[in-house]
Amino acid sequence: MPSSSDSLHGLTCPNCGGTVPIPEGQPIVECPYCQQRALVRGERGLRRYQVPLKIQRNQALQATKAFFTSSYAIARDLSQKAKLQEDFVVYLPFWVRWGRVLGWVFGEEKVGSGKNSRYVPREVKVAEEMTWNGAACDVGEFGVTQ
């Protein structure tokens, strides 16, 4: 842990009212008086979660290779073109949202031809079931943007 000279002072403990030092970059701090722990939020706080490891690295690697040759693979030639350069187990939470999208598109449609052509109003109803998936954390450190 960084020394107290590298810390910010002045935040009050919600439990005992004592001054809690916050070392830069520390996401969890402990009150020196009552040992109350707190999560630091804001620009200097970084949320990190510890999740118990339930799969071993070689199991994850075998599952990845099996996915490359499965019918669920993203691209049909994935198993021939993909190269694994580095492997490690990481927990990446994600959001899944389902919804029904309903809307209308308004415009004009050209009817007729030549001198007899004209534009008439056109309205199209759109109704679809939609699914959105996305990472629920910053995935930039893994070399991807989304």
N, C-alpha and C. Protein backbone atom coordinates (compact mmCIF):
# COMPACT_ATOMS: atom_id res chain seq x y z
N MET A 1 0.84 -1.17 0.00
CA MET A 1 0.00 0.00 0.00
C MET A 1 0.89 1.24 0.00
N PRO A 2 0.52 2.27 -0.77
CA PRO A 2 1.33 3.48 -0.78
C PRO A 2 1.37 4.13 0.59
N SER A 3 2.40 4.92 0.82
CA SER A 3 2.53 5.59 2.12
C SER A 3 1.48 6.68 2.25
N SER A 4 1.25 7.12 3.49
CA SER A 4 0.23 8.13 3.72
C SER A 4 0.61 9.46 3.10
N SER A 5 1.89 9.66 2.76
CA SER A 5 2.28 10.92 2.11
C SER A 5 1.78 10.97 0.67
N ASP A 6 1.44 9.78 0.08
CA ASP A 6 0.90 9.72 -1.27
C ASP A 6 -0.62 9.76 -1.26
N SER A 7 -1.24 10.08 -0.12
CA SER A 7 -2.69 9.98 0.03
C SER A 7 -3.34 11.35 0.04
N LEU A 8 -4.63 11.34 -0.30
CA LEU A 8 -5.47 12.50 -0.13
C LEU A 8 -6.08 12.40 1.25
N HIS A 9 -6.31 13.52 1.93
CA HIS A 9 -6.94 13.50 3.24
C HIS A 9 -8.19 14.35 3.19
N GLY A 10 -9.05 14.18 4.16
CA GLY A 10 -10.20 15.07 4.28
C GLY A 10 -11.54 14.41 4.09
N LEU A 11 -11.57 13.14 3.65
CA LEU A 11 -12.86 12.47 3.54
C LEU A 11 -13.22 11.88 4.89
N THR A 12 -14.48 11.98 5.22
CA THR A 12 -14.96 11.55 6.53
C THR A 12 -15.50 10.13 6.47
N CYS A 13 -15.13 9.34 7.46
CA CYS A 13 -15.64 7.97 7.58
C CYS A 13 -17.14 8.03 7.87
N PRO A 14 -17.97 7.30 7.12
CA PRO A 14 -19.41 7.33 7.37
C PRO A 14 -19.80 6.62 8.67
N ASN A 15 -18.89 5.82 9.23
CA ASN A 15 -19.19 5.06 10.44
C ASN A 15 -18.82 5.83 11.71
N CYS A 16 -17.56 6.33 11.78
CA CYS A 16 -17.10 6.96 13.03
C CYS A 16 -16.80 8.45 12.90
N GLY A 17 -16.76 8.96 11.68
CA GLY A 17 -16.49 10.38 11.49
C GLY A 17 -15.02 10.73 11.42
N GLY A 18 -14.14 9.74 11.49
CA GLY A 18 -12.70 9.99 11.41
C GLY A 18 -12.26 10.33 9.99
N THR A 19 -11.06 10.91 9.88
CA THR A 19 -10.51 11.25 8.57
C THR A 19 -9.88 10.02 7.95
N VAL A 20 -10.29 9.71 6.73
CA VAL A 20 -9.82 8.51 6.04
C VAL A 20 -8.84 8.90 4.94
N PRO A 21 -7.59 8.42 5.02
CA PRO A 21 -6.65 8.68 3.93
C PRO A 21 -7.02 7.81 2.72
N ILE A 22 -6.88 8.39 1.52
CA ILE A 22 -7.20 7.65 0.30
C ILE A 22 -5.95 7.62 -0.58
N PRO A 23 -5.19 6.53 -0.55
CA PRO A 23 -4.03 6.42 -1.43
C PRO A 23 -4.48 6.45 -2.89
N GLU A 24 -3.75 7.17 -3.71
CA GLU A 24 -4.12 7.30 -5.12
C GLU A 24 -4.19 5.93 -5.78
N GLY A 25 -5.29 5.71 -6.49
CA GLY A 25 -5.47 4.46 -7.22
C GLY A 25 -6.07 3.34 -6.41
N GLN A 26 -6.28 3.54 -5.09
CA GLN A 26 -6.85 2.49 -4.25
C GLN A 26 -8.36 2.49 -4.39
N PRO A 27 -8.97 1.40 -4.85
CA PRO A 27 -10.42 1.37 -4.98
C PRO A 27 -11.14 1.10 -3.66
N ILE A 28 -10.46 0.47 -2.69
CA ILE A 28 -11.07 0.18 -1.39
C ILE A 28 -10.16 0.75 -0.31
N VAL A 29 -10.74 1.52 0.59
CA VAL A 29 -9.96 2.11 1.67
C VAL A 29 -10.51 1.61 3.01
N GLU A 30 -9.67 1.74 4.06
CA GLU A 30 -10.06 1.30 5.39
C GLU A 30 -9.83 2.44 6.37
N CYS A 31 -10.83 2.70 7.19
CA CYS A 31 -10.72 3.75 8.20
C CYS A 31 -9.69 3.30 9.24
N PRO A 32 -8.70 4.16 9.57
CA PRO A 32 -7.68 3.77 10.54
C PRO A 32 -8.21 3.71 11.98
N TYR A 33 -9.43 4.22 12.23
CA TYR A 33 -9.98 4.26 13.57
C TYR A 33 -10.94 3.10 13.86
N CYS A 34 -11.83 2.81 12.90
CA CYS A 34 -12.85 1.78 13.16
C CYS A 34 -12.77 0.60 12.19
N GLN A 35 -11.82 0.62 11.28
CA GLN A 35 -11.59 -0.43 10.28
C GLN A 35 -12.78 -0.63 9.33
N GLN A 36 -13.63 0.37 9.21
CA GLN A 36 -14.73 0.33 8.24
C GLN A 36 -14.13 0.42 6.84
N ARG A 37 -14.51 -0.49 5.97
CA ARG A 37 -14.02 -0.45 4.58
C ARG A 37 -15.03 0.28 3.72
N ALA A 38 -14.52 0.98 2.70
CA ALA A 38 -15.39 1.72 1.80
C ALA A 38 -14.85 1.63 0.38
N LEU A 39 -15.76 1.66 -0.57
CA LEU A 39 -15.41 1.65 -1.99
C LEU A 39 -15.25 3.09 -2.45
N VAL A 40 -14.13 3.40 -3.08
CA VAL A 40 -13.87 4.75 -3.56
C VAL A 40 -14.50 4.90 -4.94
N ARG A 41 -15.28 5.92 -5.11
CA ARG A 41 -15.90 6.19 -6.41
C ARG A 41 -15.38 7.52 -6.92
N GLY A 42 -15.46 7.69 -8.22
CA GLY A 42 -15.02 8.95 -8.81
C GLY A 42 -13.84 8.72 -9.71
N GLU A 43 -13.19 9.79 -10.11
CA GLU A 43 -12.09 9.71 -11.07
C GLU A 43 -10.94 8.87 -10.57
N ARG A 44 -10.66 8.90 -9.29
CA ARG A 44 -9.51 8.17 -8.77
C ARG A 44 -9.84 6.73 -8.39
N GLY A 45 -11.12 6.43 -8.28
CA GLY A 45 -11.52 5.08 -7.90
C GLY A 45 -11.73 4.21 -9.13
N LEU A 46 -11.36 2.96 -9.04
CA LEU A 46 -11.50 2.03 -10.14
C LEU A 46 -12.18 0.79 -9.59
N ARG A 47 -13.32 0.44 -10.16
CA ARG A 47 -14.04 -0.73 -9.67
C ARG A 47 -13.39 -2.00 -10.19
N ARG A 48 -13.09 -2.89 -9.30
CA ARG A 48 -12.54 -4.20 -9.64
C ARG A 48 -13.31 -5.23 -8.80
N TYR A 49 -13.59 -6.33 -9.39
CA TYR A 49 -14.29 -7.39 -8.69
C TYR A 49 -13.42 -8.63 -8.69
N GLN A 50 -13.48 -9.37 -7.62
CA GLN A 50 -12.80 -10.64 -7.56
C GLN A 50 -13.85 -11.73 -7.62
N VAL A 51 -13.70 -12.60 -8.61
CA VAL A 51 -14.65 -13.68 -8.83
C VAL A 51 -13.88 -14.99 -8.68
N PRO A 52 -14.42 -15.95 -7.94
CA PRO A 52 -13.70 -17.22 -7.79
C PRO A 52 -13.51 -17.91 -9.14
N LEU A 53 -12.35 -18.47 -9.34
CA LEU A 53 -12.02 -19.16 -10.58
C LEU A 53 -12.71 -20.52 -10.58
N LYS A 54 -13.62 -20.72 -11.55
CA LYS A 54 -14.36 -21.97 -11.61
C LYS A 54 -13.95 -22.84 -12.79
N ILE A 55 -13.05 -22.34 -13.62
CA ILE A 55 -12.57 -23.11 -14.76
C ILE A 55 -11.06 -22.93 -14.84
N GLN A 56 -10.37 -23.98 -15.14
CA GLN A 56 -8.92 -23.91 -15.26
C GLN A 56 -8.55 -23.43 -16.66
N ARG A 57 -7.35 -22.93 -16.77
CA ARG A 57 -6.87 -22.34 -18.03
C ARG A 57 -6.94 -23.34 -19.19
N ASN A 58 -6.49 -24.58 -18.97
CA ASN A 58 -6.50 -25.55 -20.06
C ASN A 58 -7.93 -25.92 -20.47
N GLN A 59 -8.89 -25.91 -19.53
CA GLN A 59 -10.29 -26.16 -19.87
C GLN A 59 -10.83 -25.03 -20.75
N ALA A 60 -10.47 -23.79 -20.42
CA ALA A 60 -10.91 -22.64 -21.21
C ALA A 60 -10.32 -22.70 -22.62
N LEU A 61 -9.06 -23.10 -22.72
CA LEU A 61 -8.41 -23.20 -24.03
C LEU A 61 -9.07 -24.27 -24.88
N GLN A 62 -9.38 -25.42 -24.30
CA GLN A 62 -10.06 -26.49 -25.05
C GLN A 62 -11.46 -26.05 -25.49
N ALA A 63 -12.17 -25.33 -24.62
CA ALA A 63 -13.51 -24.84 -24.97
C ALA A 63 -13.43 -23.83 -26.11
N THR A 64 -12.40 -22.99 -26.11
CA THR A 64 -12.22 -22.01 -27.18
C THR A 64 -11.95 -22.72 -28.50
N LYS A 65 -11.07 -23.70 -28.49
CA LYS A 65 -10.77 -24.45 -29.71
C LYS A 65 -12.00 -25.20 -30.22
N ALA A 66 -12.80 -25.73 -29.32
CA ALA A 66 -14.04 -26.41 -29.71
C ALA A 66 -15.01 -25.42 -30.34
N PHE A 67 -15.07 -24.19 -29.81
CA PHE A 67 -15.94 -23.16 -30.39
C PHE A 67 -15.50 -22.81 -31.80
N PHE A 68 -14.19 -22.75 -32.03
CA PHE A 68 -13.66 -22.41 -33.36
C PHE A 68 -14.15 -23.38 -34.43
N THR A 69 -14.38 -24.62 -34.09
CA THR A 69 -14.80 -25.63 -35.07
C THR A 69 -16.30 -25.92 -35.00
N SER A 70 -17.03 -25.24 -34.13
CA SER A 70 -18.47 -25.51 -33.97
C SER A 70 -19.31 -24.75 -34.99
N SER A 71 -20.58 -25.09 -35.03
CA SER A 71 -21.51 -24.38 -35.91
C SER A 71 -21.86 -23.00 -35.35
N TYR A 72 -21.48 -22.72 -34.11
CA TYR A 72 -21.74 -21.42 -33.49
C TYR A 72 -20.63 -20.41 -33.79
N ALA A 73 -19.55 -20.85 -34.43
CA ALA A 73 -18.41 -19.96 -34.70
C ALA A 73 -18.87 -18.74 -35.49
N ILE A 74 -18.23 -17.63 -35.25
CA ILE A 74 -18.59 -16.37 -35.88
C ILE A 74 -18.39 -16.41 -37.39
N ALA A 75 -17.29 -16.95 -37.83
CA ALA A 75 -17.00 -17.08 -39.25
C ALA A 75 -16.77 -18.56 -39.58
N ARG A 76 -17.15 -18.97 -40.76
CA ARG A 76 -17.02 -20.38 -41.13
C ARG A 76 -15.57 -20.84 -41.20
N ASP A 77 -14.66 -19.95 -41.58
CA ASP A 77 -13.25 -20.31 -41.72
C ASP A 77 -12.43 -19.92 -40.48
N LEU A 78 -13.11 -19.73 -39.37
CA LEU A 78 -12.44 -19.29 -38.14
C LEU A 78 -11.35 -20.26 -37.70
N SER A 79 -11.63 -21.56 -37.77
CA SER A 79 -10.65 -22.53 -37.28
C SER A 79 -9.38 -22.55 -38.13
N GLN A 80 -9.48 -22.19 -39.42
CA GLN A 80 -8.30 -22.16 -40.28
C GLN A 80 -7.52 -20.85 -40.14
N LYS A 81 -8.19 -19.75 -39.94
CA LYS A 81 -7.53 -18.44 -39.94
C LYS A 81 -7.14 -17.92 -38.57
N ALA A 82 -7.80 -18.39 -37.51
CA ALA A 82 -7.54 -17.87 -36.17
C ALA A 82 -6.23 -18.43 -35.62
N LYS A 83 -5.50 -17.56 -34.91
CA LYS A 83 -4.28 -17.96 -34.20
C LYS A 83 -4.40 -17.47 -32.77
N LEU A 84 -4.19 -18.38 -31.84
CA LEU A 84 -4.17 -17.98 -30.43
C LEU A 84 -2.74 -17.61 -30.08
N GLN A 85 -2.52 -16.34 -29.75
CA GLN A 85 -1.18 -15.88 -29.41
C GLN A 85 -0.97 -15.83 -27.91
N GLU A 86 -2.05 -15.65 -27.17
CA GLU A 86 -1.95 -15.55 -25.72
C GLU A 86 -3.28 -16.03 -25.14
N ASP A 87 -3.24 -16.72 -24.04
CA ASP A 87 -4.48 -17.13 -23.40
C ASP A 87 -4.40 -16.91 -21.89
N PHE A 88 -5.52 -16.44 -21.34
CA PHE A 88 -5.65 -16.26 -19.90
C PHE A 88 -7.13 -16.21 -19.59
N VAL A 89 -7.47 -16.59 -18.39
CA VAL A 89 -8.87 -16.61 -17.97
C VAL A 89 -9.21 -15.26 -17.36
N VAL A 90 -10.32 -14.68 -17.80
CA VAL A 90 -10.78 -13.40 -17.28
C VAL A 90 -12.30 -13.43 -17.24
N TYR A 91 -12.87 -12.80 -16.25
CA TYR A 91 -14.32 -12.70 -16.13
C TYR A 91 -14.75 -11.38 -16.77
N LEU A 92 -15.60 -11.46 -17.78
CA LEU A 92 -16.13 -10.26 -18.44
C LEU A 92 -17.65 -10.27 -18.32
N PRO A 93 -18.20 -9.45 -17.45
CA PRO A 93 -19.66 -9.37 -17.38
C PRO A 93 -20.20 -8.66 -18.62
N PHE A 94 -21.42 -9.00 -19.00
CA PHE A 94 -22.03 -8.34 -20.14
C PHE A 94 -23.51 -8.12 -19.89
N TRP A 95 -24.07 -7.19 -20.65
CA TRP A 95 -25.49 -6.89 -20.57
C TRP A 95 -26.18 -7.55 -21.75
N VAL A 96 -27.36 -8.05 -21.53
CA VAL A 96 -28.21 -8.54 -22.61
C VAL A 96 -29.56 -7.86 -22.43
N ARG A 97 -30.05 -7.26 -23.50
CA ARG A 97 -31.35 -6.61 -23.45
C ARG A 97 -32.19 -7.12 -24.60
N TRP A 98 -33.43 -7.43 -24.30
CA TRP A 98 -34.37 -7.84 -25.33
C TRP A 98 -35.47 -6.82 -25.37
N GLY A 99 -36.00 -6.59 -26.55
CA GLY A 99 -37.10 -5.66 -26.66
C GLY A 99 -37.81 -5.80 -27.99
N ARG A 100 -38.95 -5.19 -28.06
CA ARG A 100 -39.71 -5.14 -29.31
C ARG A 100 -39.65 -3.71 -29.81
N VAL A 101 -39.17 -3.55 -31.01
CA VAL A 101 -39.02 -2.23 -31.61
C VAL A 101 -40.22 -1.99 -32.52
N LEU A 102 -40.85 -0.85 -32.35
CA LEU A 102 -42.00 -0.50 -33.16
C LEU A 102 -41.81 0.93 -33.63
N GLY A 103 -41.98 1.14 -34.92
CA GLY A 103 -41.83 2.49 -35.45
C GLY A 103 -42.38 2.60 -36.86
N TRP A 104 -42.38 3.80 -37.38
CA TRP A 104 -42.84 4.05 -38.72
C TRP A 104 -41.79 4.85 -39.47
N VAL A 105 -41.67 4.56 -40.75
CA VAL A 105 -40.78 5.31 -41.63
C VAL A 105 -41.68 6.03 -42.62
N PHE A 106 -41.50 7.35 -42.74
CA PHE A 106 -42.30 8.16 -43.65
C PHE A 106 -41.43 8.67 -44.77
N GLY A 107 -42.00 8.71 -45.96
CA GLY A 107 -41.26 9.21 -47.11
C GLY A 107 -42.16 9.31 -48.31
N GLU A 108 -41.53 9.31 -49.48
CA GLU A 108 -42.28 9.36 -50.73
C GLU A 108 -41.79 8.26 -51.64
N GLU A 109 -42.71 7.76 -52.46
CA GLU A 109 -42.38 6.70 -53.40
C GLU A 109 -42.69 7.20 -54.80
N LYS A 110 -41.78 6.95 -55.72
CA LYS A 110 -41.98 7.36 -57.11
C LYS A 110 -42.85 6.32 -57.80
N VAL A 111 -43.96 6.77 -58.39
CA VAL A 111 -44.85 5.88 -59.15
C VAL A 111 -44.96 6.39 -60.57
N GLY A 112 -45.22 5.48 -61.48
CA GLY A 112 -45.34 5.85 -62.89
C GLY A 112 -43.97 5.99 -63.52
N SER A 113 -43.96 6.35 -64.82
CA SER A 113 -42.70 6.52 -65.53
C SER A 113 -42.80 7.68 -66.52
N GLY A 114 -41.64 8.16 -66.88
CA GLY A 114 -41.57 9.26 -67.85
C GLY A 114 -42.30 10.49 -67.37
N LYS A 115 -43.12 11.09 -68.28
CA LYS A 115 -43.86 12.31 -67.92
C LYS A 115 -44.99 12.03 -66.93
N ASN A 116 -45.36 10.78 -66.80
CA ASN A 116 -46.46 10.42 -65.90
C ASN A 116 -45.97 10.05 -64.49
N SER A 117 -44.67 10.25 -64.21
CA SER A 117 -44.17 9.89 -62.88
C SER A 117 -44.51 10.97 -61.86
N ARG A 118 -44.75 10.53 -60.66
CA ARG A 118 -45.05 11.44 -59.57
C ARG A 118 -44.68 10.75 -58.26
N TYR A 119 -44.63 11.54 -57.20
CA TYR A 119 -44.31 11.01 -55.88
C TYR A 119 -45.56 10.98 -55.03
N VAL A 120 -45.76 9.86 -54.36
CA VAL A 120 -46.91 9.72 -53.47
C VAL A 120 -46.39 9.42 -52.06
N PRO A 121 -47.11 9.88 -51.05
CA PRO A 121 -46.67 9.60 -49.68
C PRO A 121 -46.62 8.08 -49.43
N ARG A 122 -45.63 7.68 -48.65
CA ARG A 122 -45.46 6.25 -48.33
C ARG A 122 -45.16 6.14 -46.85
N GLU A 123 -45.80 5.20 -46.21
CA GLU A 123 -45.60 4.94 -44.79
C GLU A 123 -45.34 3.45 -44.60
N VAL A 124 -44.26 3.12 -43.88
CA VAL A 124 -43.91 1.72 -43.64
C VAL A 124 -43.82 1.51 -42.14
N LYS A 125 -44.54 0.50 -41.67
CA LYS A 125 -44.50 0.14 -40.24
C LYS A 125 -43.38 -0.87 -40.03
N VAL A 126 -42.58 -0.65 -38.98
CA VAL A 126 -41.48 -1.55 -38.63
C VAL A 126 -41.78 -2.11 -37.25
N ALA A 127 -41.80 -3.45 -37.14
CA ALA A 127 -42.01 -4.11 -35.86
C ALA A 127 -41.09 -5.33 -35.82
N GLU A 128 -40.12 -5.31 -34.91
CA GLU A 128 -39.15 -6.40 -34.83
C GLU A 128 -38.79 -6.69 -33.38
N GLU A 129 -38.45 -7.95 -33.13
CA GLU A 129 -37.85 -8.33 -31.85
C GLU A 129 -36.36 -8.04 -31.97
N MET A 130 -35.78 -7.38 -30.98
CA MET A 130 -34.37 -7.00 -31.04
C MET A 130 -33.64 -7.53 -29.80
N THR A 131 -32.37 -7.85 -29.98
CA THR A 131 -31.50 -8.26 -28.89
C THR A 131 -30.23 -7.43 -28.97
N TRP A 132 -29.83 -6.85 -27.84
CA TRP A 132 -28.59 -6.09 -27.77
C TRP A 132 -27.68 -6.77 -26.76
N ASN A 133 -26.44 -6.97 -27.12
CA ASN A 133 -25.42 -7.53 -26.22
C ASN A 133 -24.29 -6.53 -26.12
N GLY A 134 -23.71 -6.41 -24.96
CA GLY A 134 -22.58 -5.51 -24.82
C GLY A 134 -21.83 -5.78 -23.52
N ALA A 135 -20.55 -5.48 -23.55
CA ALA A 135 -19.73 -5.65 -22.35
C ALA A 135 -20.18 -4.67 -21.28
N ALA A 136 -20.23 -5.13 -20.05
CA ALA A 136 -20.64 -4.29 -18.92
C ALA A 136 -19.42 -3.75 -18.19
N CYS A 137 -18.30 -3.66 -18.89
CA CYS A 137 -17.08 -3.15 -18.30
C CYS A 137 -16.20 -2.61 -19.43
N ASP A 138 -15.11 -1.98 -19.07
CA ASP A 138 -14.17 -1.47 -20.05
C ASP A 138 -13.34 -2.64 -20.57
N VAL A 139 -13.45 -2.93 -21.88
CA VAL A 139 -12.73 -4.04 -22.46
C VAL A 139 -11.49 -3.57 -23.24
N GLY A 140 -11.16 -2.30 -23.14
CA GLY A 140 -10.03 -1.74 -23.86
C GLY A 140 -8.70 -2.37 -23.51
N GLU A 141 -8.54 -2.80 -22.26
CA GLU A 141 -7.27 -3.41 -21.85
C GLU A 141 -7.05 -4.77 -22.51
N PHE A 142 -8.10 -5.32 -23.14
CA PHE A 142 -7.97 -6.59 -23.85
C PHE A 142 -7.79 -6.38 -25.35
N GLY A 143 -7.64 -5.14 -25.79
CA GLY A 143 -7.36 -4.85 -27.18
C GLY A 143 -8.59 -4.76 -28.07
N VAL A 144 -9.76 -4.64 -27.47
CA VAL A 144 -10.98 -4.50 -28.26
C VAL A 144 -11.72 -3.22 -27.83
N THR A 145 -12.59 -2.74 -28.70
CA THR A 145 -13.30 -1.50 -28.38
C THR A 145 -14.70 -1.74 -27.89
N GLN A 146 -15.28 -2.89 -28.19
CA GLN A 146 -16.63 -3.20 -27.72
C GLN A 146 -16.88 -4.68 -27.74
